[in-house]
Protein backbone atom coordinates (compact mmCIF):
# COMPACT_ATOMS: atom_id res chain seq x y z
CA MET A 1 -16.26 47.88 58.81
CA PHE A 2 -13.07 46.79 57.04
CA LEU A 3 -11.13 46.94 60.33
CA LYS A 4 -13.72 44.73 62.04
CA ILE A 5 -13.57 42.15 59.23
CA LEU A 6 -9.77 42.18 59.34
CA LYS A 7 -9.81 41.64 63.13
CA ILE A 8 -12.20 38.69 62.81
CA PHE A 9 -10.03 37.17 60.09
CA CYS A 10 -6.89 37.51 62.23
CA LEU A 11 -8.57 35.75 65.15
CA TRP A 12 -9.98 33.06 62.84
CA SER A 13 -6.57 32.20 61.41
CA LEU A 14 -4.76 32.45 64.75
CA THR A 15 -1.56 30.43 65.02
CA PHE A 16 -1.82 28.08 67.98
CA ILE A 17 1.32 27.44 70.05
CA PRO A 18 0.77 23.92 71.39
CA LYS A 19 1.84 22.55 74.75
CA ILE A 20 1.98 18.85 75.49
CA ASN A 21 1.80 16.80 78.66
CA SER A 22 4.42 14.07 78.35
CA GLN A 23 2.98 12.32 81.42
CA ASN A 24 -0.36 11.66 79.73
CA LEU A 25 0.34 10.90 76.08
CA PRO A 26 -2.30 9.49 73.70
CA PHE A 27 0.03 6.67 72.62
CA SER A 28 2.52 4.24 74.12
CA VAL A 29 4.82 1.36 73.21
CA GLY A 30 2.78 -1.53 71.82
CA GLU A 31 0.39 0.55 69.72
CA ASN A 32 -0.10 -1.05 66.30
CA LEU A 33 -2.33 0.35 63.54
CA LYS A 34 -3.05 -1.27 60.18
CA TYR A 35 -4.53 0.46 57.12
CA GLU A 36 -5.92 -0.42 53.72
CA VAL A 37 -4.60 1.87 51.00
CA LYS A 38 -6.85 2.68 48.03
CA PHE A 39 -6.13 4.52 44.82
CA GLY A 40 -9.57 5.75 43.85
CA PHE A 41 -11.75 2.61 44.06
CA ILE A 42 -8.79 0.25 43.62
CA ASN A 43 -7.36 -1.64 46.58
CA ALA A 44 -3.69 -0.75 46.13
CA GLY A 45 -2.02 -2.18 49.24
CA ASN A 46 -1.60 -1.77 52.96
CA ALA A 47 0.23 0.32 55.53
CA GLU A 48 1.27 -0.27 59.13
CA LEU A 49 2.11 2.29 61.81
CA SER A 50 3.52 1.03 65.10
CA ILE A 51 5.53 1.80 68.24
CA PRO A 52 7.41 -1.46 68.87
CA ASN A 53 9.92 -0.38 71.51
CA TYR A 54 11.60 2.21 73.66
CA PHE A 55 15.11 3.08 72.50
CA PHE A 56 17.81 5.09 74.25
CA ILE A 57 19.87 7.59 72.25
CA ASP A 58 22.71 9.28 74.14
CA GLY A 59 20.90 8.48 77.38
CA ASN A 60 17.58 9.96 76.16
CA GLU A 61 14.52 7.71 76.12
CA THR A 62 12.74 7.65 72.77
CA PHE A 63 9.79 5.92 71.17
CA GLN A 64 10.85 3.81 68.19
CA VAL A 65 8.15 4.44 65.57
CA THR A 66 7.93 2.54 62.29
CA PHE A 67 5.76 3.16 59.25
CA THR A 68 5.61 0.90 56.17
CA VAL A 69 3.61 1.06 52.93
CA ARG A 70 3.43 -1.87 50.51
CA SER A 71 1.43 -2.20 47.32
CA ASN A 72 -0.28 -5.55 46.77
CA SER A 73 0.73 -8.05 44.07
CA ALA A 74 -1.93 -6.86 41.63
CA PHE A 75 -0.98 -3.20 41.96
CA ASP A 76 2.72 -4.11 41.75
CA LEU A 77 2.20 -4.77 38.04
CA PHE A 78 1.44 -1.08 37.52
CA TYR A 79 3.31 0.70 40.31
CA LYS A 80 5.29 -1.17 42.94
CA VAL A 81 5.60 0.56 46.32
CA ARG A 82 7.90 -0.52 49.15
CA ASP A 83 8.28 2.46 51.50
CA SER A 84 9.58 2.37 55.06
CA TYR A 85 10.16 5.08 57.65
CA GLN A 86 11.60 4.96 61.14
CA SER A 87 11.68 7.74 63.70
CA PHE A 88 13.09 7.88 67.22
CA ILE A 89 10.95 10.39 69.12
CA ASP A 90 12.02 11.89 72.42
CA SER A 91 9.50 10.54 74.95
CA LYS A 92 9.46 13.74 77.03
CA GLY A 93 9.53 16.51 74.43
CA ILE A 94 7.98 14.62 71.46
CA PHE A 95 10.57 15.79 68.94
CA SER A 96 12.90 13.90 66.63
CA ARG A 97 16.29 12.51 67.61
CA LYS A 98 16.80 10.25 64.60
CA PHE A 99 15.02 9.61 61.30
CA ASP A 100 15.42 7.04 58.52
CA GLN A 101 13.53 6.94 55.23
CA ASN A 102 13.66 4.43 52.40
CA ILE A 103 11.37 5.09 49.43
CA SER A 104 10.86 2.72 46.52
CA GLU A 105 7.96 3.78 44.29
CA GLY A 106 8.10 2.49 40.74
CA LYS A 107 11.43 3.62 39.32
CA PHE A 108 11.83 6.29 41.99
CA LYS A 109 14.27 5.38 44.79
CA ARG A 110 15.48 7.48 47.69
CA SER A 111 17.07 6.89 51.08
CA TYR A 112 17.69 9.49 53.73
CA SER A 113 18.88 9.37 57.32
CA ALA A 114 19.64 12.04 59.90
CA ASP A 115 20.63 12.21 63.56
CA LEU A 116 19.33 15.25 65.42
CA TYR A 117 21.07 16.90 68.37
CA PRO A 118 18.61 19.61 69.46
CA GLU A 119 20.53 20.52 72.62
CA GLU A 120 23.58 21.34 70.49
CA GLY A 121 21.51 22.90 67.71
CA TYR A 122 22.51 20.72 64.76
CA ALA A 123 21.57 17.64 62.74
CA ARG A 124 23.95 15.27 61.00
CA SER A 125 23.42 13.40 57.75
CA ILE A 126 25.81 11.76 55.31
CA ASN A 127 26.32 15.23 53.80
CA GLY A 128 27.56 16.90 57.00
CA ASN A 129 26.18 18.98 59.89
CA PHE A 130 23.25 21.38 59.58
CA GLN A 131 21.76 23.91 61.96
CA ILE A 132 18.39 23.09 63.52
CA GLU A 133 16.12 24.60 66.16
CA LYS A 134 14.92 23.11 69.44
CA ASN A 135 11.93 20.77 69.16
CA THR A 136 12.62 20.16 65.45
CA GLN A 137 10.48 17.42 63.95
CA ASP A 138 10.89 14.91 61.18
CA ILE A 139 7.67 14.27 59.27
CA LEU A 140 6.83 11.18 61.34
CA SER A 141 7.56 12.71 64.75
CA ALA A 142 5.46 15.74 63.73
CA PHE A 143 2.54 13.38 63.26
CA TYR A 144 2.87 12.12 66.85
CA PHE A 145 3.36 15.63 68.17
CA ILE A 146 0.04 16.64 66.60
CA ARG A 147 -1.59 13.67 68.32
CA SER A 148 -0.26 15.04 71.62
CA VAL A 149 -1.89 18.47 71.21
CA ASN A 150 -5.00 19.34 73.19
CA PHE A 151 -7.59 20.54 70.64
CA GLU A 152 -10.22 21.68 73.16
CA ASN A 153 -9.40 25.38 72.79
CA LEU A 154 -8.90 25.37 69.02
CA LYS A 155 -11.41 26.77 66.54
CA PRO A 156 -11.75 25.90 62.85
CA GLY A 157 -9.10 27.78 60.92
CA ASN A 158 -6.54 27.77 63.75
CA LYS A 159 -3.04 26.70 62.69
CA ILE A 160 -0.34 24.76 64.49
CA LYS A 161 3.13 25.66 63.20
CA LEU A 162 6.07 23.28 63.44
CA LYS A 163 9.63 23.07 62.14
CA ASN A 164 10.57 20.07 60.02
CA PHE A 165 14.11 18.94 59.14
CA TYR A 166 14.38 17.02 55.88
CA LYS A 167 16.95 16.63 53.10
CA ASP A 168 19.48 18.73 55.04
CA LYS A 169 17.17 21.75 55.35
CA MET A 170 14.67 23.23 57.76
CA HIS A 171 11.12 23.50 56.42
CA ASN A 172 7.92 25.03 57.74
CA LEU A 173 5.08 22.65 58.53
CA GLU A 174 1.61 23.97 59.25
CA VAL A 175 -1.40 21.95 60.39
CA ILE A 176 -4.80 23.59 60.00
CA TYR A 177 -7.68 22.51 62.22
CA VAL A 178 -10.62 22.27 59.80
CA GLY A 179 -13.38 21.03 62.11
CA ASN A 180 -15.15 17.81 63.19
CA GLU A 181 -16.54 14.99 61.08
CA GLN A 182 -17.84 11.45 61.57
CA ILE A 183 -15.86 8.84 59.60
CA GLN A 184 -16.76 5.21 58.89
CA VAL A 185 -13.98 2.71 58.07
CA ASP A 186 -13.53 -1.06 58.41
CA ALA A 187 -12.38 -0.59 62.02
CA GLY A 188 -15.66 1.15 62.92
CA THR A 189 -17.39 4.54 62.98
CA PHE A 190 -15.61 7.37 64.77
CA ASN A 191 -16.10 11.02 65.69
CA CYS A 192 -13.01 12.72 64.28
CA LEU A 193 -11.01 15.92 64.20
CA LYS A 194 -10.36 16.98 60.61
CA LEU A 195 -6.90 18.42 59.96
CA GLU A 196 -5.03 19.65 56.90
CA PRO A 197 -1.24 19.41 57.07
CA VAL A 198 0.50 21.86 54.74
CA ILE A 199 3.82 20.23 53.94
CA MET A 200 6.14 22.72 52.32
CA ALA A 201 8.79 20.23 51.16
CA GLY A 202 9.67 16.57 51.55
CA GLY A 203 8.13 14.13 53.94
CA LEU A 204 5.61 11.39 54.23
CA PHE A 205 3.62 12.21 51.09
CA ARG A 206 5.89 12.72 48.10
CA ALA A 207 3.13 13.60 45.63
CA GLU A 208 2.11 17.23 45.52
CA GLY A 209 -1.46 17.85 46.53
CA LYS A 210 -3.86 18.32 49.41
CA VAL A 211 -3.57 16.10 52.48
CA ILE A 212 -6.46 15.58 54.92
CA LEU A 213 -5.96 13.78 58.23
CA TYR A 214 -8.71 12.46 60.52
CA LEU A 215 -7.94 11.81 64.22
CA THR A 216 -10.40 10.48 66.78
CA ASN A 217 -11.95 13.29 68.83
CA ASP A 218 -10.91 11.84 72.19
CA GLU A 219 -7.81 11.38 74.33
CA ARG A 220 -6.26 8.81 71.96
CA ARG A 221 -6.42 11.00 68.81
CA LEU A 222 -6.05 7.83 66.79
CA PRO A 223 -5.42 8.35 63.04
CA ILE A 224 -8.48 6.91 61.29
CA ARG A 225 -8.01 8.12 57.72
CA VAL A 226 -5.35 9.88 55.66
CA GLU A 227 -6.49 11.24 52.32
CA THR A 228 -4.11 12.63 49.71
CA LYS A 229 -5.69 14.42 46.77
CA ILE A 230 -3.48 14.63 43.69
CA ILE A 231 -3.99 15.67 40.08
CA ILE A 232 -4.91 12.20 38.82
CA GLY A 233 -7.15 11.17 41.73
CA SER A 234 -6.86 10.43 45.41
CA ILE A 235 -5.01 8.04 47.69
CA VAL A 236 -6.84 7.05 50.88
CA ALA A 237 -5.52 5.03 53.83
CA ASP A 238 -8.34 3.77 56.10
CA LEU A 239 -7.86 2.12 59.48
CA VAL A 240 -8.59 -1.60 59.38
CA SER A 241 -7.45 -2.77 62.82
CA PHE A 242 -5.78 -1.48 65.98
CA LYS A 243 -4.31 -2.88 69.17
CA GLY A 244 -2.12 -1.86 72.11
CA LEU A 245 -3.84 1.48 72.69
CA ASN A 246 -2.86 3.62 75.67
CA GLY A 247 -6.40 3.79 77.01
CA GLU A 248 -10.06 3.74 76.04
CA LEU A 249 -11.16 4.80 72.55
CA LYS A 250 -14.19 6.93 73.46
CA ALA A 251 -14.80 8.37 69.98
CA LYS A 252 -15.89 5.03 68.54
CA LYS A 253 -19.65 4.88 67.96
């Protein structure tokens, strides 16, 4: 009996090794997504996630991806946020070739930048060269890689494991497929995949706590909601508007 339970558990928590089709990606240049950010019931600000251009790095075509978070004037009085991220994602392999981060949250300030050379096996920051693996992600490129994964064969509890380079170190990044859920936001009502990224260190969400991500359950895998649960409450970013999609959004009700 114990052996049977153990076998079921091992299958349930199976690590999924994803493959992507770079010829049929869910996103493309021109995609622009806008979000309202709430702290509990308080409207705290807005965020924008976009792919403005292609950019060539050492002859390699990349997607230039930008992400910004700004608190509004009312919330600025309590906690001013001016965060910006930029990633250059290889358009064929969907991995990072360059990453820039500038965080300004209250009195906390941090900037970080790295150039990644996966073919040579190293990354370079202001502090020197550091060993990396092939297909290494920054936290923003990892997000787009997850969007590129086909979830048809996944079961709740399956994990996708990635490698993340941040602050001159390699970190493990796991994404757990939780299940499906219908989500209603200002942009509409959507059938979604529910995911839980387990960020070991650094990255897009500085506060420690649980992160839940909702992507549309269709070919676009559009991020509809990001929810970060922390000790003093929760921070939720809900999709308000979208444009420039790389195809039909079938998951919208």
